[in-house]
Amino acid sequence: MKRTVLILFFVITVVAKAHSSMQGKNSAEETLARGYWIDPATGLTWTAKDNGNDITWGNAVKYCQDLRLAGYSDWRLPTIEELEKIYDGSGFTAPHSKGSTLALAGKAKGGLLLTGAREWSNSRVLDDRGHRTGIAWQYDFAHGERWRLDPIGYRGSLRALCVRHP
């Protein structure tokens, strides 16, 4: 009897995980088709994907300001705190060269499509006197970390993910 219960528990667990995975996949596909995702925790509306190309901080700010999506024109680059709030630390795997698989720490919630190493924020790094420096905070979703190493003119593998208030 114990063995039957254990096997049944295993089968139910596997089916539940597969169903959850499919729901996540369907949710991501729906988000991409719609073009945006509304975060139920904050009410903020996020673009379904980032800009898809390397971009400097100044051009990222302009990209979001110029964006017209879902009937709205008030898109902006998010703060570093807003980016942190959509971090999903449940982990995932990503295909890599030569058939190997990378295990990454996290991703963005809502099935958002992120194509670069990090996403720019509109939050500038301050010096010891509280003055803005030539560096803006970035968020690395794969590792769940803030970055502040690259100057605002740098563009290598940095992207713009836009947000708006409802």
Protein backbone atom coordinates (compact mmCIF):
# COMPACT_ATOMS: atom_id res chain seq x y z
CA MET A 1 0.00 0.00 0.00
CA LYS A 2 2.83 2.44 0.87
CA ARG A 3 4.51 1.79 -2.48
CA THR A 4 1.26 2.44 -4.39
CA VAL A 5 0.72 5.72 -2.50
CA LEU A 6 4.32 6.78 -3.13
CA ILE A 7 4.08 6.03 -6.86
CA LEU A 8 0.75 7.84 -7.06
CA PHE A 9 2.26 10.85 -5.25
CA PHE A 10 5.20 10.83 -7.70
CA VAL A 11 2.90 10.71 -10.73
CA ILE A 12 0.69 13.52 -9.39
CA THR A 13 3.77 15.63 -8.63
CA VAL A 14 5.23 15.12 -12.13
CA VAL A 15 1.89 15.93 -13.79
CA ALA A 16 1.41 19.02 -11.61
CA LYS A 17 4.90 20.32 -12.45
CA ALA A 18 4.37 19.69 -16.17
CA HIS A 19 1.00 21.48 -16.00
CA SER A 20 2.60 24.42 -14.14
CA SER A 21 5.37 24.58 -16.74
CA MET A 22 2.81 24.61 -19.57
CA GLN A 23 0.82 27.35 -17.81
CA GLY A 24 4.01 29.42 -17.54
CA LYS A 25 4.76 28.85 -21.22
CA ASN A 26 1.19 29.79 -22.23
CA SER A 27 1.35 32.89 -20.01
CA ALA A 28 4.63 33.97 -21.65
CA GLU A 29 3.16 33.43 -25.12
CA GLU A 30 0.07 35.45 -24.18
CA THR A 31 2.25 38.27 -22.82
CA LEU A 32 4.29 38.42 -26.03
CA ALA A 33 1.17 38.32 -28.22
CA ARG A 34 -0.45 41.13 -26.19
CA GLY A 35 2.78 43.19 -26.12
CA TYR A 36 2.72 43.99 -22.41
CA TRP A 37 2.32 42.49 -18.93
CA ILE A 38 0.66 44.02 -15.87
CA ASP A 39 2.40 43.12 -12.64
CA PRO A 40 -0.37 42.10 -10.20
CA ALA A 41 1.83 43.01 -7.20
CA THR A 42 2.57 46.62 -8.22
CA GLY A 43 0.04 47.42 -10.95
CA LEU A 44 2.86 48.57 -13.24
CA THR A 45 2.58 47.76 -16.94
CA TRP A 46 5.74 46.36 -18.55
CA THR A 47 6.58 45.89 -22.22
CA ALA A 48 6.54 42.19 -23.10
CA LYS A 49 10.12 42.40 -24.35
CA ASP A 50 13.09 44.70 -24.23
CA ASN A 51 14.29 46.70 -27.25
CA GLY A 52 16.30 43.69 -28.54
CA ASN A 53 19.55 45.50 -29.40
CA ASP A 54 22.61 46.90 -27.65
CA ILE A 55 21.79 50.43 -26.50
CA THR A 56 23.39 53.24 -24.49
CA TRP A 57 21.63 54.61 -21.41
CA GLY A 58 20.66 57.88 -23.14
CA ASN A 59 19.20 56.01 -26.10
CA ALA A 60 17.39 53.63 -23.72
CA VAL A 61 15.73 56.60 -22.01
CA LYS A 62 14.73 58.01 -25.43
CA TYR A 63 13.54 54.60 -26.67
CA CYS A 64 11.07 54.30 -23.79
CA GLN A 65 9.96 57.95 -24.03
CA ASP A 66 9.27 57.53 -27.76
CA LEU A 67 7.51 54.16 -27.41
CA ARG A 68 3.86 53.95 -28.48
CA LEU A 69 2.34 50.65 -27.37
CA ALA A 70 -1.16 49.43 -26.45
CA GLY A 71 -2.56 52.93 -26.95
CA TYR A 72 -0.15 54.53 -24.44
CA SER A 73 2.64 57.03 -24.93
CA ASP A 74 3.78 57.47 -21.31
CA TRP A 75 6.38 54.68 -21.23
CA ARG A 76 9.64 55.27 -19.36
CA LEU A 77 12.81 53.50 -18.27
CA PRO A 78 12.17 51.87 -14.84
CA THR A 79 13.97 52.58 -11.60
CA ILE A 80 16.40 49.97 -10.30
CA GLU A 81 13.94 49.16 -7.51
CA GLU A 82 11.15 48.51 -10.02
CA LEU A 83 13.40 46.13 -11.97
CA GLU A 84 14.28 44.29 -8.76
CA LYS A 85 10.58 43.78 -7.98
CA ILE A 86 10.00 41.78 -11.20
CA TYR A 87 12.92 39.44 -10.54
CA ASP A 88 11.85 35.78 -10.38
CA GLY A 89 14.52 33.80 -8.53
CA SER A 90 12.99 30.39 -9.21
CA GLY A 91 15.75 29.69 -11.72
CA PHE A 92 15.63 28.23 -15.20
CA THR A 93 17.81 26.57 -17.76
CA ALA A 94 18.87 28.02 -21.08
CA PRO A 95 20.33 26.28 -24.12
CA HIS A 96 24.00 26.96 -24.73
CA SER A 97 26.51 26.07 -27.41
CA LYS A 98 27.50 22.47 -28.12
CA GLY A 99 24.38 21.01 -26.52
CA SER A 100 25.21 22.04 -22.97
CA THR A 101 22.65 23.75 -20.75
CA LEU A 102 23.19 26.75 -18.49
CA ALA A 103 21.46 26.80 -15.12
CA LEU A 104 20.63 30.43 -14.31
CA ALA A 105 19.47 31.90 -11.04
CA GLY A 106 16.48 33.82 -12.27
CA LYS A 107 14.48 35.65 -14.88
CA ALA A 108 11.85 38.36 -15.14
CA LYS A 109 8.31 37.65 -13.98
CA GLY A 110 5.39 37.66 -16.39
CA GLY A 111 7.18 35.80 -19.17
CA LEU A 112 8.97 38.99 -20.27
CA LEU A 113 11.50 38.42 -23.05
CA LEU A 114 14.95 39.76 -22.13
CA THR A 115 17.59 39.51 -24.85
CA GLY A 116 20.72 41.03 -23.31
CA ALA A 117 22.95 40.49 -20.32
CA ARG A 118 21.42 43.35 -18.33
CA GLU A 119 18.61 45.94 -18.44
CA TRP A 120 19.23 49.66 -17.94
CA SER A 121 17.41 51.55 -15.17
CA ASN A 122 16.80 55.29 -15.00
CA SER A 123 18.52 55.34 -11.59
CA ARG A 124 21.89 57.07 -11.72
CA VAL A 125 24.72 56.06 -9.37
CA LEU A 126 25.53 58.87 -6.91
CA ASP A 127 28.99 59.86 -5.70
CA ASP A 128 29.92 60.40 -2.04
CA ARG A 129 28.45 63.93 -2.17
CA GLY A 130 25.13 62.77 -3.61
CA HIS A 131 25.83 64.01 -7.14
CA ARG A 132 24.94 61.92 -10.18
CA THR A 133 27.87 60.14 -11.80
CA GLY A 134 28.25 59.03 -15.40
CA ILE A 135 27.00 55.57 -14.41
CA ALA A 136 23.44 54.25 -14.22
CA TRP A 137 22.28 51.15 -12.36
CA GLN A 138 21.58 48.05 -14.44
CA TYR A 139 19.84 44.83 -13.45
CA ASP A 140 21.10 41.34 -14.30
CA PHE A 141 18.06 39.03 -14.21
CA ALA A 142 20.03 35.84 -14.88
CA HIS A 143 21.95 36.31 -11.63
CA GLY A 144 19.56 38.55 -9.65
CA GLU A 145 22.05 41.39 -9.16
CA ARG A 146 22.37 45.14 -9.53
CA TRP A 147 25.29 46.35 -11.65
CA ARG A 148 26.99 49.72 -11.72
CA LEU A 149 30.18 49.11 -13.65
CA ASP A 150 29.42 50.47 -17.10
CA PRO A 151 29.25 54.19 -17.95
CA ILE A 152 26.05 55.53 -19.49
CA GLY A 153 27.73 55.63 -22.92
CA TYR A 154 28.42 51.88 -22.87
CA ARG A 155 26.08 49.68 -24.90
CA GLY A 156 27.42 46.12 -24.98
CA SER A 157 24.59 43.66 -24.28
CA LEU A 158 22.55 46.27 -22.40
CA ARG A 159 18.86 46.67 -23.20
CA ALA A 160 15.84 48.89 -22.52
CA LEU A 161 12.76 47.34 -20.89
CA CYS A 162 10.02 49.95 -20.55
CA VAL A 163 7.36 50.45 -17.90
CA ARG A 164 4.39 52.71 -17.23
CA HIS A 165 2.05 53.51 -14.35
CA PRO A 166 -1.60 52.55 -14.88
